[in-house]
Amino acid sequence: MQNSPPEPEPVVPEPPAQLANVFFALGDSTRLRLVAVLCAGGAFSITQLTANTDISRQAVTKHLQVLADAGLVKDLRIGRERLWQFDPTQLEEARRTLEVIGRQWEAALAKLKAFAEEG
């Protein structure tokens, strides 16, 4: 067996700190459901978002604030009404980061497979 020089450690870019907030916000089933509703399109009021649910307006407002802090939703004021809508920017950033991690994982598995087949 030949000794080959050690491979350099891969440079792994640091994911933006904001992504931790995105994953935290999406880790709650109620917030995930709210994002799914808002992704359907349009802007919705708290009244619309709580219709046909057992969740109080106050609870939905708190969940929406967590989503807003993560950059996943934003609110619009139209007159006295406050409407909420999905903002895809942070979710797209999370998707891109997960794709990079996925490619790194596939490369690591390929190296492991090659090593196992070599020996």
N, C-alpha and C. Protein backbone atom coordinates (compact mmCIF):
# COMPACT_ATOMS: atom_id res chain seq x y z
N MET A 1 0.83 -1.18 0.00
CA MET A 1 0.00 0.00 0.00
C MET A 1 0.88 1.25 0.00
N GLN A 2 0.57 2.20 -0.85
CA GLN A 2 1.34 3.42 -0.92
C GLN A 2 0.82 4.42 0.08
N ASN A 3 1.75 5.13 0.66
CA ASN A 3 1.35 6.23 1.54
C ASN A 3 1.20 7.48 0.70
N SER A 4 0.01 7.99 0.67
CA SER A 4 -0.21 9.23 -0.07
C SER A 4 -0.25 10.37 0.93
N PRO A 5 0.10 11.56 0.46
CA PRO A 5 0.09 12.71 1.38
C PRO A 5 -1.33 12.92 1.90
N PRO A 6 -1.43 13.35 3.14
CA PRO A 6 -2.77 13.59 3.69
C PRO A 6 -3.49 14.69 2.92
N GLU A 7 -4.77 14.48 2.75
CA GLU A 7 -5.57 15.49 2.05
C GLU A 7 -5.80 16.67 2.97
N PRO A 8 -5.80 17.87 2.38
CA PRO A 8 -6.06 19.05 3.22
C PRO A 8 -7.49 19.01 3.76
N GLU A 9 -7.65 19.58 4.93
CA GLU A 9 -8.99 19.66 5.51
C GLU A 9 -9.87 20.54 4.63
N PRO A 10 -11.10 20.11 4.40
CA PRO A 10 -11.97 20.92 3.55
C PRO A 10 -12.34 22.23 4.25
N VAL A 11 -12.47 23.24 3.44
CA VAL A 11 -12.90 24.54 3.96
C VAL A 11 -14.42 24.52 4.01
N VAL A 12 -14.95 24.61 5.20
CA VAL A 12 -16.39 24.57 5.37
C VAL A 12 -16.86 25.98 5.71
N PRO A 13 -17.67 26.58 4.83
CA PRO A 13 -18.13 27.93 5.13
C PRO A 13 -19.04 27.93 6.34
N GLU A 14 -18.92 28.96 7.11
CA GLU A 14 -19.76 29.11 8.30
C GLU A 14 -21.16 29.54 7.87
N PRO A 15 -22.19 28.75 8.22
CA PRO A 15 -23.54 29.18 7.86
C PRO A 15 -23.89 30.48 8.58
N PRO A 16 -24.67 31.32 7.94
CA PRO A 16 -25.08 32.57 8.59
C PRO A 16 -25.78 32.26 9.93
N ALA A 17 -25.49 33.06 10.94
CA ALA A 17 -26.06 32.85 12.27
C ALA A 17 -27.58 32.88 12.24
N GLN A 18 -28.15 33.64 11.33
CA GLN A 18 -29.60 33.77 11.24
C GLN A 18 -30.26 32.42 10.96
N LEU A 19 -29.53 31.48 10.34
CA LEU A 19 -30.13 30.20 10.00
C LEU A 19 -30.53 29.40 11.23
N ALA A 20 -29.82 29.56 12.32
CA ALA A 20 -30.22 28.87 13.55
C ALA A 20 -31.62 29.31 13.96
N ASN A 21 -31.91 30.60 13.80
CA ASN A 21 -33.25 31.10 14.13
C ASN A 21 -34.30 30.53 13.18
N VAL A 22 -33.93 30.36 11.92
CA VAL A 22 -34.86 29.79 10.94
C VAL A 22 -35.22 28.36 11.34
N PHE A 23 -34.20 27.55 11.63
CA PHE A 23 -34.47 26.16 12.00
C PHE A 23 -35.22 26.06 13.32
N PHE A 24 -34.89 26.94 14.26
CA PHE A 24 -35.63 26.96 15.52
C PHE A 24 -37.10 27.28 15.27
N ALA A 25 -37.35 28.30 14.47
CA ALA A 25 -38.72 28.73 14.20
C ALA A 25 -39.51 27.63 13.50
N LEU A 26 -38.89 26.91 12.59
CA LEU A 26 -39.58 25.86 11.86
C LEU A 26 -39.69 24.56 12.65
N GLY A 27 -39.03 24.50 13.80
CA GLY A 27 -39.06 23.30 14.62
C GLY A 27 -40.33 23.12 15.42
N ASP A 28 -41.22 24.07 15.37
CA ASP A 28 -42.49 23.99 16.09
C ASP A 28 -43.60 23.69 15.09
N SER A 29 -44.44 22.71 15.39
CA SER A 29 -45.47 22.29 14.43
C SER A 29 -46.47 23.40 14.12
N THR A 30 -46.81 24.21 15.10
CA THR A 30 -47.76 25.31 14.85
C THR A 30 -47.15 26.33 13.90
N ARG A 31 -45.89 26.69 14.15
CA ARG A 31 -45.24 27.66 13.28
C ARG A 31 -45.04 27.10 11.87
N LEU A 32 -44.71 25.82 11.80
CA LEU A 32 -44.54 25.19 10.50
C LEU A 32 -45.86 25.20 9.72
N ARG A 33 -46.96 24.97 10.42
CA ARG A 33 -48.27 25.01 9.78
C ARG A 33 -48.59 26.44 9.30
N LEU A 34 -48.26 27.43 10.13
CA LEU A 34 -48.48 28.82 9.74
C LEU A 34 -47.68 29.17 8.48
N VAL A 35 -46.45 28.73 8.42
CA VAL A 35 -45.62 28.99 7.24
C VAL A 35 -46.25 28.32 6.02
N ALA A 36 -46.74 27.09 6.18
CA ALA A 36 -47.37 26.39 5.06
C ALA A 36 -48.59 27.17 4.56
N VAL A 37 -49.39 27.68 5.49
CA VAL A 37 -50.57 28.46 5.09
C VAL A 37 -50.14 29.73 4.37
N LEU A 38 -49.15 30.42 4.93
CA LEU A 38 -48.70 31.67 4.33
C LEU A 38 -48.00 31.44 2.98
N CYS A 39 -47.38 30.28 2.81
CA CYS A 39 -46.74 29.96 1.53
C CYS A 39 -47.77 29.75 0.43
N ALA A 40 -48.99 29.47 0.80
CA ALA A 40 -50.05 29.27 -0.19
C ALA A 40 -50.30 30.56 -0.97
N GLY A 41 -49.83 31.67 -0.43
CA GLY A 41 -49.93 32.94 -1.14
C GLY A 41 -50.84 33.92 -0.46
N GLY A 42 -50.54 35.16 -0.69
CA GLY A 42 -51.36 36.21 -0.14
C GLY A 42 -50.93 36.63 1.25
N ALA A 43 -51.65 37.58 1.76
CA ALA A 43 -51.41 38.09 3.11
C ALA A 43 -52.67 37.79 3.92
N PHE A 44 -52.47 37.34 5.14
CA PHE A 44 -53.58 36.92 5.98
C PHE A 44 -53.59 37.66 7.30
N SER A 45 -54.76 37.94 7.79
CA SER A 45 -54.91 38.55 9.12
C SER A 45 -54.86 37.46 10.18
N ILE A 46 -54.71 37.88 11.42
CA ILE A 46 -54.73 36.94 12.54
C ILE A 46 -56.07 36.21 12.57
N THR A 47 -57.14 36.93 12.29
CA THR A 47 -58.48 36.32 12.28
C THR A 47 -58.54 35.21 11.24
N GLN A 48 -58.01 35.47 10.06
CA GLN A 48 -58.00 34.44 9.02
C GLN A 48 -57.12 33.26 9.40
N LEU A 49 -55.99 33.54 10.04
CA LEU A 49 -55.06 32.47 10.41
C LEU A 49 -55.58 31.61 11.56
N THR A 50 -56.47 32.15 12.37
CA THR A 50 -57.00 31.38 13.50
C THR A 50 -58.35 30.74 13.19
N ALA A 51 -58.92 31.06 12.04
CA ALA A 51 -60.22 30.49 11.68
C ALA A 51 -60.12 28.96 11.61
N ASN A 52 -61.11 28.29 12.15
CA ASN A 52 -61.19 26.82 12.13
C ASN A 52 -60.04 26.14 12.88
N THR A 53 -59.47 26.82 13.87
CA THR A 53 -58.42 26.22 14.69
C THR A 53 -58.78 26.42 16.16
N ASP A 54 -58.09 25.69 17.01
CA ASP A 54 -58.26 25.84 18.46
C ASP A 54 -57.23 26.78 19.05
N ILE A 55 -56.42 27.41 18.21
CA ILE A 55 -55.33 28.26 18.68
C ILE A 55 -55.86 29.68 18.85
N SER A 56 -55.51 30.28 19.97
CA SER A 56 -55.97 31.64 20.24
C SER A 56 -55.23 32.65 19.36
N ARG A 57 -55.85 33.80 19.21
CA ARG A 57 -55.22 34.88 18.44
C ARG A 57 -53.90 35.29 19.08
N GLN A 58 -53.89 35.32 20.42
CA GLN A 58 -52.67 35.71 21.13
C GLN A 58 -51.54 34.70 20.85
N ALA A 59 -51.86 33.41 20.86
CA ALA A 59 -50.83 32.39 20.60
C ALA A 59 -50.30 32.50 19.18
N VAL A 60 -51.20 32.70 18.21
CA VAL A 60 -50.78 32.84 16.82
C VAL A 60 -49.90 34.08 16.66
N THR A 61 -50.26 35.16 17.33
CA THR A 61 -49.45 36.38 17.28
C THR A 61 -48.04 36.11 17.79
N LYS A 62 -47.92 35.38 18.88
CA LYS A 62 -46.59 35.06 19.43
C LYS A 62 -45.79 34.19 18.45
N HIS A 63 -46.47 33.19 17.85
CA HIS A 63 -45.78 32.34 16.87
C HIS A 63 -45.34 33.15 15.65
N LEU A 64 -46.19 34.05 15.20
CA LEU A 64 -45.83 34.88 14.05
C LEU A 64 -44.64 35.79 14.38
N GLN A 65 -44.55 36.24 15.61
CA GLN A 65 -43.41 37.08 16.00
C GLN A 65 -42.11 36.29 15.95
N VAL A 66 -42.14 35.02 16.38
CA VAL A 66 -40.95 34.18 16.29
C VAL A 66 -40.56 34.00 14.82
N LEU A 67 -41.55 33.76 13.97
CA LEU A 67 -41.28 33.62 12.54
C LEU A 67 -40.74 34.92 11.94
N ALA A 68 -41.27 36.04 12.39
CA ALA A 68 -40.79 37.34 11.90
C ALA A 68 -39.35 37.58 12.36
N ASP A 69 -39.05 37.24 13.60
CA ASP A 69 -37.68 37.40 14.12
C ASP A 69 -36.68 36.56 13.31
N ALA A 70 -37.15 35.43 12.79
CA ALA A 70 -36.30 34.56 11.96
C ALA A 70 -36.26 35.02 10.51
N GLY A 71 -37.05 36.03 10.18
CA GLY A 71 -37.07 36.55 8.82
C GLY A 71 -37.93 35.74 7.86
N LEU A 72 -38.81 34.90 8.39
CA LEU A 72 -39.64 34.05 7.54
C LEU A 72 -40.97 34.68 7.14
N VAL A 73 -41.45 35.61 7.94
CA VAL A 73 -42.69 36.31 7.62
C VAL A 73 -42.50 37.80 7.90
N LYS A 74 -43.36 38.57 7.30
CA LYS A 74 -43.36 40.00 7.60
C LYS A 74 -44.80 40.45 7.67
N ASP A 75 -45.00 41.54 8.39
CA ASP A 75 -46.36 42.06 8.52
C ASP A 75 -46.52 43.34 7.73
N LEU A 76 -47.71 43.55 7.28
CA LEU A 76 -48.07 44.74 6.53
C LEU A 76 -49.23 45.40 7.23
N ARG A 77 -49.19 46.69 7.34
CA ARG A 77 -50.31 47.43 7.91
C ARG A 77 -51.13 48.00 6.75
N ILE A 78 -52.37 47.64 6.73
CA ILE A 78 -53.30 48.19 5.75
C ILE A 78 -54.45 48.78 6.55
N GLY A 79 -54.41 50.08 6.68
CA GLY A 79 -55.38 50.74 7.55
C GLY A 79 -55.11 50.31 8.98
N ARG A 80 -56.13 49.85 9.65
CA ARG A 80 -55.98 49.38 11.03
C ARG A 80 -55.69 47.89 11.10
N GLU A 81 -55.68 47.24 9.94
CA GLU A 81 -55.48 45.79 9.92
C GLU A 81 -54.00 45.46 9.72
N ARG A 82 -53.58 44.41 10.38
CA ARG A 82 -52.22 43.92 10.27
C ARG A 82 -52.30 42.58 9.55
N LEU A 83 -51.64 42.51 8.38
CA LEU A 83 -51.65 41.28 7.59
C LEU A 83 -50.25 40.68 7.59
N TRP A 84 -50.20 39.36 7.54
CA TRP A 84 -48.93 38.65 7.57
C TRP A 84 -48.73 37.92 6.25
N GLN A 85 -47.48 37.93 5.78
CA GLN A 85 -47.17 37.19 4.56
C GLN A 85 -45.80 36.54 4.67
N PHE A 86 -45.62 35.51 3.89
CA PHE A 86 -44.38 34.75 3.87
C PHE A 86 -43.30 35.53 3.14
N ASP A 87 -42.07 35.48 3.65
CA ASP A 87 -40.91 36.07 3.00
C ASP A 87 -39.92 34.93 2.74
N PRO A 88 -39.71 34.54 1.49
CA PRO A 88 -38.91 33.35 1.19
C PRO A 88 -37.40 33.51 1.33
N THR A 89 -36.90 34.70 1.57
CA THR A 89 -35.45 34.95 1.55
C THR A 89 -34.68 34.04 2.49
N GLN A 90 -35.06 33.99 3.76
CA GLN A 90 -34.31 33.18 4.73
C GLN A 90 -34.48 31.68 4.49
N LEU A 91 -35.64 31.27 4.04
CA LEU A 91 -35.86 29.85 3.77
C LEU A 91 -35.01 29.42 2.56
N GLU A 92 -34.88 30.29 1.60
CA GLU A 92 -34.02 30.00 0.43
C GLU A 92 -32.57 29.90 0.87
N GLU A 93 -32.14 30.76 1.76
CA GLU A 93 -30.76 30.70 2.29
C GLU A 93 -30.55 29.38 3.04
N ALA A 94 -31.52 28.96 3.81
CA ALA A 94 -31.43 27.69 4.53
C ALA A 94 -31.34 26.53 3.54
N ARG A 95 -32.14 26.57 2.48
CA ARG A 95 -32.11 25.52 1.46
C ARG A 95 -30.73 25.43 0.82
N ARG A 96 -30.16 26.58 0.46
CA ARG A 96 -28.83 26.59 -0.15
C ARG A 96 -27.78 26.02 0.80
N THR A 97 -27.86 26.38 2.06
CA THR A 97 -26.92 25.87 3.05
C THR A 97 -27.05 24.37 3.21
N LEU A 98 -28.28 23.86 3.24
CA LEU A 98 -28.49 22.42 3.36
C LEU A 98 -27.98 21.68 2.11
N GLU A 99 -28.07 22.31 0.95
CA GLU A 99 -27.53 21.70 -0.26
C GLU A 99 -26.01 21.57 -0.17
N VAL A 100 -25.34 22.59 0.34
CA VAL A 100 -23.89 22.54 0.52
C VAL A 100 -23.54 21.42 1.50
N ILE A 101 -24.25 21.35 2.60
CA ILE A 101 -23.99 20.29 3.59
C ILE A 101 -24.23 18.92 2.96
N GLY A 102 -25.27 18.80 2.16
CA GLY A 102 -25.57 17.54 1.48
C GLY A 102 -24.45 17.13 0.53
N ARG A 103 -23.92 18.08 -0.24
CA ARG A 103 -22.81 17.77 -1.14
C ARG A 103 -21.57 17.35 -0.36
N GLN A 104 -21.30 18.03 0.77
CA GLN A 104 -20.15 17.67 1.59
C GLN A 104 -20.33 16.26 2.16
N TRP A 105 -21.53 15.93 2.56
CA TRP A 105 -21.82 14.60 3.11
C TRP A 105 -21.60 13.54 2.04
N GLU A 106 -22.10 13.79 0.83
CA GLU A 106 -21.93 12.84 -0.27
C GLU A 106 -20.44 12.65 -0.58
N ALA A 107 -19.67 13.72 -0.58
CA ALA A 107 -18.23 13.61 -0.84
C ALA A 107 -17.55 12.80 0.26
N ALA A 108 -17.93 13.02 1.50
CA ALA A 108 -17.33 12.27 2.61
C ALA A 108 -17.67 10.79 2.51
N LEU A 109 -18.91 10.47 2.14
CA LEU A 109 -19.30 9.07 1.98
C LEU A 109 -18.55 8.42 0.82
N ALA A 110 -18.34 9.16 -0.26
CA ALA A 110 -17.60 8.63 -1.40
C ALA A 110 -16.16 8.31 -1.00
N LYS A 111 -15.55 9.19 -0.21
CA LYS A 111 -14.18 8.95 0.27
C LYS A 111 -14.13 7.72 1.17
N LEU A 112 -15.11 7.59 2.04
CA LEU A 112 -15.17 6.43 2.94
C LEU A 112 -15.34 5.15 2.13
N LYS A 113 -16.19 5.18 1.14
CA LYS A 113 -16.41 4.00 0.30
C LYS A 113 -15.13 3.63 -0.43
N ALA A 114 -14.44 4.63 -1.01
CA ALA A 114 -13.19 4.36 -1.71
C ALA A 114 -12.14 3.79 -0.77
N PHE A 115 -12.07 4.29 0.42
CA PHE A 115 -11.12 3.79 1.41
C PHE A 115 -11.43 2.35 1.78
N ALA A 116 -12.73 2.06 1.99
CA ALA A 116 -13.13 0.70 2.38
C ALA A 116 -12.86 -0.29 1.25
N GLU A 117 -13.07 0.12 0.02
CA GLU A 117 -12.84 -0.77 -1.12
C GLU A 117 -11.36 -0.95 -1.38
N GLU A 118 -10.53 0.01 -0.98
CA GLU A 118 -9.08 -0.05 -1.17
C GLU A 118 -8.44 -1.08 -0.27
N GLY A 119 -8.91 -1.16 0.96
CA GLY A 119 -8.26 -1.97 1.97
C GLY A 119 -8.83 -3.31 2.06
